[in-house]
């Protein structure tokens, strides 16, 4: 599915940019040598980046394929968030 229709970026392309180290929407677009045109896709790109960060923090495998940064079990993450 397309994330950015203006530039033809699909989910796989965005996820690959995140896996390659992109940590902002601007970095995702730079990776593909483009920039947002209408801007409607920026929220979705940020959501995908944040989902990757959240999964890293929880210790589960993120969609982008990056190895988790920490090994805190998911249930502990939710307990800490509730405190």
PDB file of N, CA and C in Angstrom:
ATOM      1  N   UNK A   1       0.841  -1.168   0.000  1.00  0.00           N
ATOM      2  CA  UNK A   1       0.000   0.000   0.000  1.00  0.00           C
ATOM      3  C   UNK A   1       0.895   1.244   0.000  1.00  0.00           C
ATOM      4  N   UNK A   2       0.453   2.265  -0.692  1.00  0.00           N
ATOM      5  CA  UNK A   2       1.222   3.502  -0.765  1.00  0.00           C
ATOM      6  C   UNK A   2       1.071   4.317   0.510  1.00  0.00           C
ATOM      7  N   UNK A   3       2.184   4.864   0.970  1.00  0.00           N
ATOM      8  CA  UNK A   3       2.188   5.793   2.101  1.00  0.00           C
ATOM      9  C   UNK A   3       2.185   7.209   1.550  1.00  0.00           C
ATOM     10  N   UNK A   4       2.973   7.446   0.510  1.00  0.00           N
ATOM     11  CA  UNK A   4       3.068   8.769  -0.121  1.00  0.00           C
ATOM     12  C   UNK A   4       2.753   8.622  -1.614  1.00  0.00           C
ATOM     13  N   UNK A   5       1.568   9.042  -1.980  1.00  0.00           N
ATOM     14  CA  UNK A   5       1.170   8.957  -3.385  1.00  0.00           C
ATOM     15  C   UNK A   5       1.955   9.921  -4.258  1.00  0.00           C
ATOM     16  N   UNK A   6       2.275  11.089  -3.721  1.00  0.00           N
ATOM     17  CA  UNK A   6       2.979  12.109  -4.519  1.00  0.00           C
ATOM     18  C   UNK A   6       4.345  11.607  -5.002  1.00  0.00           C
ATOM     19  N   UNK A   7       5.044  10.847  -4.139  1.00  0.00           N
ATOM     20  CA  UNK A   7       6.384  10.369  -4.469  1.00  0.00           C
ATOM     21  C   UNK A   7       6.438   8.873  -4.764  1.00  0.00           C
ATOM     22  N   UNK A   8       5.304   8.194  -4.683  1.00  0.00           N
ATOM     23  CA  UNK A   8       5.273   6.769  -4.968  1.00  0.00           C
ATOM     24  C   UNK A   8       5.972   5.918  -3.924  1.00  0.00           C
ATOM     25  N   UNK A   9       5.971   6.359  -2.657  1.00  0.00           N
ATOM     26  CA  UNK A   9       6.602   5.584  -1.590  1.00  0.00           C
ATOM     27  C   UNK A   9       5.581   4.636  -0.979  1.00  0.00           C
ATOM     28  N   UNK A  10       5.916   3.359  -0.965  1.00  0.00           N
ATOM     29  CA  UNK A  10       5.009   2.391  -0.362  1.00  0.00           C
ATOM     30  C   UNK A  10       5.511   2.005   1.031  1.00  0.00           C
ATOM     31  N   UNK A  11       4.716   1.200   1.733  1.00  0.00           N
ATOM     32  CA  UNK A  11       5.058   0.808   3.099  1.00  0.00           C
ATOM     33  C   UNK A  11       6.421   0.146   3.175  1.00  0.00           C
ATOM     34  N   UNK A  12       6.705  -0.723   2.233  1.00  0.00           N
ATOM     35  CA  UNK A  12       7.987  -1.431   2.233  1.00  0.00           C
ATOM     36  C   UNK A  12       9.164  -0.456   2.114  1.00  0.00           C
ATOM     37  N   UNK A  13       9.030   0.554   1.268  1.00  0.00           N
ATOM     38  CA  UNK A  13      10.105   1.535   1.086  1.00  0.00           C
ATOM     39  C   UNK A  13      10.306   2.365   2.346  1.00  0.00           C
ATOM     40  N   UNK A  14       9.215   2.771   2.980  1.00  0.00           N
ATOM     41  CA  UNK A  14       9.306   3.555   4.218  1.00  0.00           C
ATOM     42  C   UNK A  14       9.920   2.703   5.322  1.00  0.00           C
ATOM     43  N   UNK A  15       9.449   1.467   5.474  1.00  0.00           N
ATOM     44  CA  UNK A  15       9.982   0.577   6.505  1.00  0.00           C
ATOM     45  C   UNK A  15      11.460   0.287   6.286  1.00  0.00           C
ATOM     46  N   UNK A  16      11.882   0.162   5.038  1.00  0.00           N
ATOM     47  CA  UNK A  16      13.296  -0.081   4.757  1.00  0.00           C
ATOM     48  C   UNK A  16      14.140   1.127   5.153  1.00  0.00           C
ATOM     49  N   UNK A  17      13.648   2.336   4.873  1.00  0.00           N
ATOM     50  CA  UNK A  17      14.376   3.541   5.271  1.00  0.00           C
ATOM     51  C   UNK A  17      14.523   3.594   6.788  1.00  0.00           C
ATOM     52  N   UNK A  18      13.469   3.207   7.512  1.00  0.00           N
ATOM     53  CA  UNK A  18      13.520   3.187   8.976  1.00  0.00           C
ATOM     54  C   UNK A  18      14.529   2.140   9.444  1.00  0.00           C
ATOM     55  N   UNK A  19      14.511   0.975   8.834  1.00  0.00           N
ATOM     56  CA  UNK A  19      15.464  -0.081   9.175  1.00  0.00           C
ATOM     57  C   UNK A  19      16.894   0.356   8.890  1.00  0.00           C
ATOM     58  N   UNK A  20      17.070   1.201   7.891  1.00  0.00           N
ATOM     59  CA  UNK A  20      18.399   1.708   7.537  1.00  0.00           C
ATOM     60  C   UNK A  20      18.847   2.853   8.435  1.00  0.00           C
ATOM     61  N   UNK A  21      17.964   3.267   9.379  1.00  0.00           N
ATOM     62  CA  UNK A  21      18.376   4.272  10.358  1.00  0.00           C
ATOM     63  C   UNK A  21      17.615   5.578  10.348  1.00  0.00           C
ATOM     64  N   UNK A  22      16.669   5.754   9.445  1.00  0.00           N
ATOM     65  CA  UNK A  22      15.884   6.993   9.415  1.00  0.00           C
ATOM     66  C   UNK A  22      15.079   7.103  10.704  1.00  0.00           C
ATOM     67  N   UNK A  23      15.178   8.246  11.380  1.00  0.00           N
ATOM     68  CA  UNK A  23      14.471   8.449  12.640  1.00  0.00           C
ATOM     69  C   UNK A  23      13.556   9.659  12.601  1.00  0.00           C
ATOM     70  N   UNK A  24      13.335  10.193  11.415  1.00  0.00           N
ATOM     71  CA  UNK A  24      12.384  11.293  11.232  1.00  0.00           C
ATOM     72  C   UNK A  24      11.801  11.176   9.828  1.00  0.00           C
ATOM     73  N   UNK A  25      10.663  11.842   9.627  1.00  0.00           N
ATOM     74  CA  UNK A  25      10.055  11.817   8.299  1.00  0.00           C
ATOM     75  C   UNK A  25      11.015  12.396   7.264  1.00  0.00           C
ATOM     76  N   UNK A  26      11.702  13.467   7.633  1.00  0.00           N
ATOM     77  CA  UNK A  26      12.650  14.094   6.709  1.00  0.00           C
ATOM     78  C   UNK A  26      13.736  13.112   6.276  1.00  0.00           C
ATOM     79  N   UNK A  27      14.219  12.299   7.211  1.00  0.00           N
ATOM     80  CA  UNK A  27      15.254  11.322   6.879  1.00  0.00           C
ATOM     81  C   UNK A  27      14.717  10.224   5.958  1.00  0.00           C
ATOM     82  N   UNK A  28      13.463   9.850   6.138  1.00  0.00           N
ATOM     83  CA  UNK A  28      12.858   8.854   5.243  1.00  0.00           C
ATOM     84  C   UNK A  28      12.813   9.415   3.825  1.00  0.00           C
ATOM     85  N   UNK A  29      12.375  10.657   3.680  1.00  0.00           N
ATOM     86  CA  UNK A  29      12.302  11.261   2.345  1.00  0.00           C
ATOM     87  C   UNK A  29      13.691  11.449   1.742  1.00  0.00           C
ATOM     88  N   UNK A  30      14.672  11.856   2.559  1.00  0.00           N
ATOM     89  CA  UNK A  30      16.041  12.012   2.054  1.00  0.00           C
ATOM     90  C   UNK A  30      16.588  10.696   1.537  1.00  0.00           C
ATOM     91  N   UNK A  31      16.286   9.633   2.260  1.00  0.00           N
ATOM     92  CA  UNK A  31      16.754   8.299   1.837  1.00  0.00           C
ATOM     93  C   UNK A  31      16.287   7.982   0.419  1.00  0.00           C
ATOM     94  N   UNK A  32      15.106   8.475   0.062  1.00  0.00           N
ATOM     95  CA  UNK A  32      14.549   8.210  -1.263  1.00  0.00           C
ATOM     96  C   UNK A  32      14.681   9.402  -2.205  1.00  0.00           C
ATOM     97  N   UNK A  33      15.515  10.356  -1.799  1.00  0.00           N
ATOM     98  CA  UNK A  33      15.835  11.538  -2.621  1.00  0.00           C
ATOM     99  C   UNK A  33      14.577  12.270  -3.082  1.00  0.00           C
ATOM    100  N   UNK A  34      13.679  12.503  -2.123  1.00  0.00           N
ATOM    101  CA  UNK A  34      12.469  13.261  -2.426  1.00  0.00           C
ATOM    102  C   UNK A  34      12.079  14.063  -1.182  1.00  0.00           C
ATOM    103  N   UNK A  35      10.971  14.751  -1.257  1.00  0.00           N
ATOM    104  CA  UNK A  35      10.463  15.510  -0.121  1.00  0.00           C
ATOM    105  C   UNK A  35       8.945  15.461  -0.164  1.00  0.00           C
ATOM    106  N   UNK A  36       8.304  15.671   0.994  1.00  0.00           N
ATOM    107  CA  UNK A  36       6.842  15.653   0.969  1.00  0.00           C
ATOM    108  C   UNK A  36       6.313  16.804   0.119  1.00  0.00           C
ATOM    109  N   UNK A  37       5.308  16.538  -0.673  1.00  0.00           N
ATOM    110  CA  UNK A  37       4.735  17.574  -1.526  1.00  0.00           C
ATOM    111  C   UNK A  37       3.445  18.118  -0.917  1.00  0.00           C
ATOM    112  N   UNK A  38       2.421  17.282  -0.796  1.00  0.00           N
ATOM    113  CA  UNK A  38       1.168  17.766  -0.202  1.00  0.00           C
ATOM    114  C   UNK A  38       1.201  17.665   1.321  1.00  0.00           C
ATOM    115  N   UNK A  39       2.047  16.787   1.871  1.00  0.00           N
ATOM    116  CA  UNK A  39       2.207  16.649   3.314  1.00  0.00           C
ATOM    117  C   UNK A  39       1.253  15.682   3.993  1.00  0.00           C
ATOM    118  N   UNK A  40       0.309  15.123   3.266  1.00  0.00           N
ATOM    119  CA  UNK A  40      -0.676  14.224   3.882  1.00  0.00           C
ATOM    120  C   UNK A  40      -0.051  12.932   4.390  1.00  0.00           C
ATOM    121  N   UNK A  41       1.102  12.561   3.896  1.00  0.00           N
ATOM    122  CA  UNK A  41       1.745  11.308   4.268  1.00  0.00           C
ATOM    123  C   UNK A  41       2.642  11.421   5.502  1.00  0.00           C
ATOM    124  N   UNK A  42       3.003  12.632   5.878  1.00  0.00           N
ATOM    125  CA  UNK A  42       3.983  12.822   6.950  1.00  0.00           C
ATOM    126  C   UNK A  42       3.519  12.169   8.253  1.00  0.00           C
ATOM    127  N   UNK A  43       2.241  12.277   8.582  1.00  0.00           N
ATOM    128  CA  UNK A  43       1.726  11.652   9.793  1.00  0.00           C
ATOM    129  C   UNK A  43       1.884  10.145   9.780  1.00  0.00           C
ATOM    130  N   UNK A  44       1.619   9.517   8.647  1.00  0.00           N
ATOM    131  CA  UNK A  44       1.768   8.063   8.533  1.00  0.00           C
ATOM    132  C   UNK A  44       3.235   7.655   8.651  1.00  0.00           C
ATOM    133  N   UNK A  45       4.135   8.429   8.047  1.00  0.00           N
ATOM    134  CA  UNK A  45       5.571   8.130   8.162  1.00  0.00           C
ATOM    135  C   UNK A  45       5.990   8.223   9.625  1.00  0.00           C
ATOM    136  N   UNK A  46       5.560   9.271  10.314  1.00  0.00           N
ATOM    137  CA  UNK A  46       5.895   9.423  11.743  1.00  0.00           C
ATOM    138  C   UNK A  46       5.314   8.276  12.567  1.00  0.00           C
ATOM    139  N   UNK A  47       4.105   7.870  12.254  1.00  0.00           N
ATOM    140  CA  UNK A  47       3.476   6.761  12.971  1.00  0.00           C
ATOM    141  C   UNK A  47       4.300   5.490  12.814  1.00  0.00           C
ATOM    142  N   UNK A  48       4.791   5.236  11.617  1.00  0.00           N
ATOM    143  CA  UNK A  48       5.591   4.034  11.381  1.00  0.00           C
ATOM    144  C   UNK A  48       6.923   4.115  12.131  1.00  0.00           C
ATOM    145  N   UNK A  49       7.534   5.298  12.189  1.00  0.00           N
ATOM    146  CA  UNK A  49       8.780   5.483  12.949  1.00  0.00           C
ATOM    147  C   UNK A  49       8.513   5.255  14.428  1.00  0.00           C
ATOM    148  N   UNK A  50       7.455   5.853  14.956  1.00  0.00           N
ATOM    149  CA  UNK A  50       7.133   5.695  16.377  1.00  0.00           C
ATOM    150  C   UNK A  50       6.801   4.262  16.723  1.00  0.00           C
ATOM    151  N   UNK A  51       6.134   3.540  15.832  1.00  0.00           N
ATOM    152  CA  UNK A  51       5.822   2.132  16.070  1.00  0.00           C
ATOM    153  C   UNK A  51       7.109   1.322  16.187  1.00  0.00           C
ATOM    154  N   UNK A  52       8.075   1.652  15.367  1.00  0.00           N
ATOM    155  CA  UNK A  52       9.365   0.967  15.425  1.00  0.00           C
ATOM    156  C   UNK A  52      10.047   1.273  16.755  1.00  0.00           C
ATOM    157  N   UNK A  53      10.035   2.528  17.177  1.00  0.00           N
ATOM    158  CA  UNK A  53      10.640   2.901  18.465  1.00  0.00           C
ATOM    159  C   UNK A  53       9.938   2.206  19.614  1.00  0.00           C
ATOM    160  N   UNK A  54       8.608   2.167  19.572  1.00  0.00           N
ATOM    161  CA  UNK A  54       7.844   1.530  20.647  1.00  0.00           C
ATOM    162  C   UNK A  54       8.186   0.055  20.735  1.00  0.00           C
ATOM    163  N   UNK A  55       8.231  -0.604  19.605  1.00  0.00           N
ATOM    164  CA  UNK A  55       8.558  -2.030  19.612  1.00  0.00           C
ATOM    165  C   UNK A  55       9.984  -2.250  20.100  1.00  0.00           C
ATOM    166  N   UNK A  56      10.915  -1.347  19.749  1.00  0.00           N
ATOM    167  CA  UNK A  56      12.282  -1.454  20.247  1.00  0.00           C
ATOM    168  C   UNK A  56      12.290  -1.365  21.768  1.00  0.00           C
ATOM    169  N   UNK A  57      11.569  -0.408  22.308  1.00  0.00           N
ATOM    170  CA  UNK A  57      11.538  -0.194  23.755  1.00  0.00           C
ATOM    171  C   UNK A  57      10.894  -1.371  24.482  1.00  0.00           C
ATOM    172  N   UNK A  58       9.935  -2.010  23.857  1.00  0.00           N
ATOM    173  CA  UNK A  58       9.242  -3.137  24.485  1.00  0.00           C
ATOM    174  C   UNK A  58      10.019  -4.433  24.378  1.00  0.00           C
ATOM    175  N   UNK A  59      11.018  -4.461  23.528  1.00  0.00           N
ATOM    176  CA  UNK A  59      11.825  -5.660  23.397  1.00  0.00           C
ATOM    177  C   UNK A  59      11.292  -6.676  22.404  1.00  0.00           C
ATOM    178  N   UNK A  60      10.287  -6.326  21.625  1.00  0.00           N
ATOM    179  CA  UNK A  60       9.786  -7.244  20.609  1.00  0.00           C
ATOM    180  C   UNK A  60      10.307  -6.825  19.247  1.00  0.00           C
ATOM    181  N   UNK A  61      10.193  -7.691  18.286  1.00  0.00           N
ATOM    182  CA  UNK A  61      10.732  -7.417  16.958  1.00  0.00           C
ATOM    183  C   UNK A  61       9.901  -6.344  16.247  1.00  0.00           C
ATOM    184  N   UNK A  62      10.497  -5.220  15.861  1.00  0.00           N
ATOM    185  CA  UNK A  62       9.762  -4.188  15.141  1.00  0.00           C
ATOM    186  C   UNK A  62       9.472  -4.573  13.703  1.00  0.00           C
ATOM    187  N   UNK A  63       8.495  -3.904  13.133  1.00  0.00           N
ATOM    188  CA  UNK A  63       8.108  -4.171  11.747  1.00  0.00           C
ATOM    189  C   UNK A  63       9.251  -3.879  10.781  1.00  0.00           C
ATOM    190  N   UNK A  64      10.099  -2.919  11.153  1.00  0.00           N
ATOM    191  CA  UNK A  64      11.180  -2.529  10.249  1.00  0.00           C
ATOM    192  C   UNK A  64      12.304  -3.563  10.197  1.00  0.00           C
ATOM    193  N   UNK A  65      12.298  -4.538  11.106  1.00  0.00           N
ATOM    194  CA  UNK A  65      13.311  -5.578  11.080  1.00  0.00           C
ATOM    195  C   UNK A  65      14.533  -5.282  11.917  1.00  0.00           C
ATOM    196  N   UNK A  66      14.595  -4.094  12.549  1.00  0.00           N
ATOM    197  CA  UNK A  66      15.721  -3.765  13.414  1.00  0.00           C
ATOM    198  C   UNK A  66      15.710  -4.658  14.635  1.00  0.00           C
ATOM    199  N   UNK A  67      16.881  -4.972  15.162  1.00  0.00           N
ATOM    200  CA  UNK A  67      16.965  -5.730  16.400  1.00  0.00           C
ATOM    201  C   UNK A  67      16.500  -4.829  17.547  1.00  0.00           C
ATOM    202  N   UNK A  68      15.816  -5.380  18.553  1.00  0.00           N
ATOM    203  CA  UNK A  68      15.380  -4.586  19.696  1.00  0.00           C
ATOM    204  C   UNK A  68      16.566  -3.963  20.423  1.00  0.00           C
ATOM    205  N   UNK A  69      16.391  -2.734  20.894  1.00  0.00           N
ATOM    206  CA  UNK A  69      17.449  -2.009  21.590  1.00  0.00           C
ATOM    207  C   UNK A  69      17.604  -2.505  23.025  1.00  0.00           C
ATOM    208  N   UNK A  70      16.523  -2.897  23.660  1.00  0.00           N
ATOM    209  CA  UNK A  70      16.547  -3.387  25.032  1.00  0.00           C
ATOM    210  C   UNK A  70      15.744  -4.671  25.100  1.00  0.00           C
ATOM    211  N   UNK A  71      15.915  -5.399  26.182  1.00  0.00           N
ATOM    212  CA  UNK A  71      15.216  -6.668  26.273  1.00  0.00           C
ATOM    213  C   UNK A  71      14.164  -6.683  27.381  1.00  0.00           C
ATOM    214  N   UNK A  72      13.547  -5.553  27.677  1.00  0.00           N
ATOM    215  CA  UNK A  72      12.486  -5.506  28.673  1.00  0.00           C
ATOM    216  C   UNK A  72      11.276  -6.255  28.142  1.00  0.00           C
ATOM    217  N   UNK A  73      10.781  -7.248  28.884  1.00  0.00           N
ATOM    218  CA  UNK A  73       9.584  -7.964  28.421  1.00  0.00           C
ATOM    219  C   UNK A  73       8.401  -7.019  28.267  1.00  0.00           C
ATOM    220  N   UNK A  74       7.533  -7.345  27.342  1.00  0.00           N
ATOM    221  CA  UNK A  74       6.393  -6.485  27.035  1.00  0.00           C
ATOM    222  C   UNK A  74       5.551  -6.218  28.267  1.00  0.00           C
ATOM    223  N   UNK A  75       5.267  -7.239  29.073  1.00  0.00           N
ATOM    224  CA  UNK A  75       4.409  -7.029  30.238  1.00  0.00           C
ATOM    225  C   UNK A  75       5.027  -6.062  31.230  1.00  0.00           C
ATOM    226  N   UNK A  76       6.356  -6.064  31.395  1.00  0.00           N
ATOM    227  CA  UNK A  76       7.014  -5.112  32.287  1.00  0.00           C
ATOM    228  C   UNK A  76       6.893  -3.689  31.756  1.00  0.00           C
ATOM    229  N   UNK A  77       6.974  -3.538  30.435  1.00  0.00           N
ATOM    230  CA  UNK A  77       6.838  -2.208  29.840  1.00  0.00           C
ATOM    231  C   UNK A  77       5.477  -1.608  30.191  1.00  0.00           C
ATOM    232  N   UNK A  78       4.428  -2.413  30.082  1.00  0.00           N
ATOM    233  CA  UNK A  78       3.088  -1.904  30.372  1.00  0.00           C
ATOM    234  C   UNK A  78       2.918  -1.612  31.854  1.00  0.00           C
ATOM    235  N   UNK A  79       3.560  -2.415  32.717  1.00  0.00           N
ATOM    236  CA  UNK A  79       3.488  -2.139  34.150  1.00  0.00           C
ATOM    237  C   UNK A  79       4.191  -0.832  34.482  1.00  0.00           C
ATOM    238  N   UNK A  80       5.355  -0.591  33.887  1.00  0.00           N
ATOM    239  CA  UNK A  80       6.090   0.649  34.125  1.00  0.00           C
ATOM    240  C   UNK A  80       5.282   1.841  33.612  1.00  0.00           C
ATOM    241  N   UNK A  81       4.632   1.705  32.471  1.00  0.00           N
ATOM    242  CA  UNK A  81       3.851   2.801  31.903  1.00  0.00           C
ATOM    243  C   UNK A  81       2.650   3.137  32.774  1.00  0.00           C
ATOM    244  N   UNK A  82       2.137   2.153  33.514  1.00  0.00           N
ATOM    245  CA  UNK A  82       0.967   2.375  34.352  1.00  0.00           C
ATOM    246  C   UNK A  82       1.311   3.079  35.648  1.00  0.00           C
ATOM    247  N   UNK A  83       2.574   3.058  36.056  1.00  0.00           N
ATOM    248  CA  UNK A  83       2.994   3.688  37.326  1.00  0.00           C
ATOM    249  C   UNK A  83       2.938   5.189  37.271  1.00  0.00           C
TER     250      UNK A  83
END
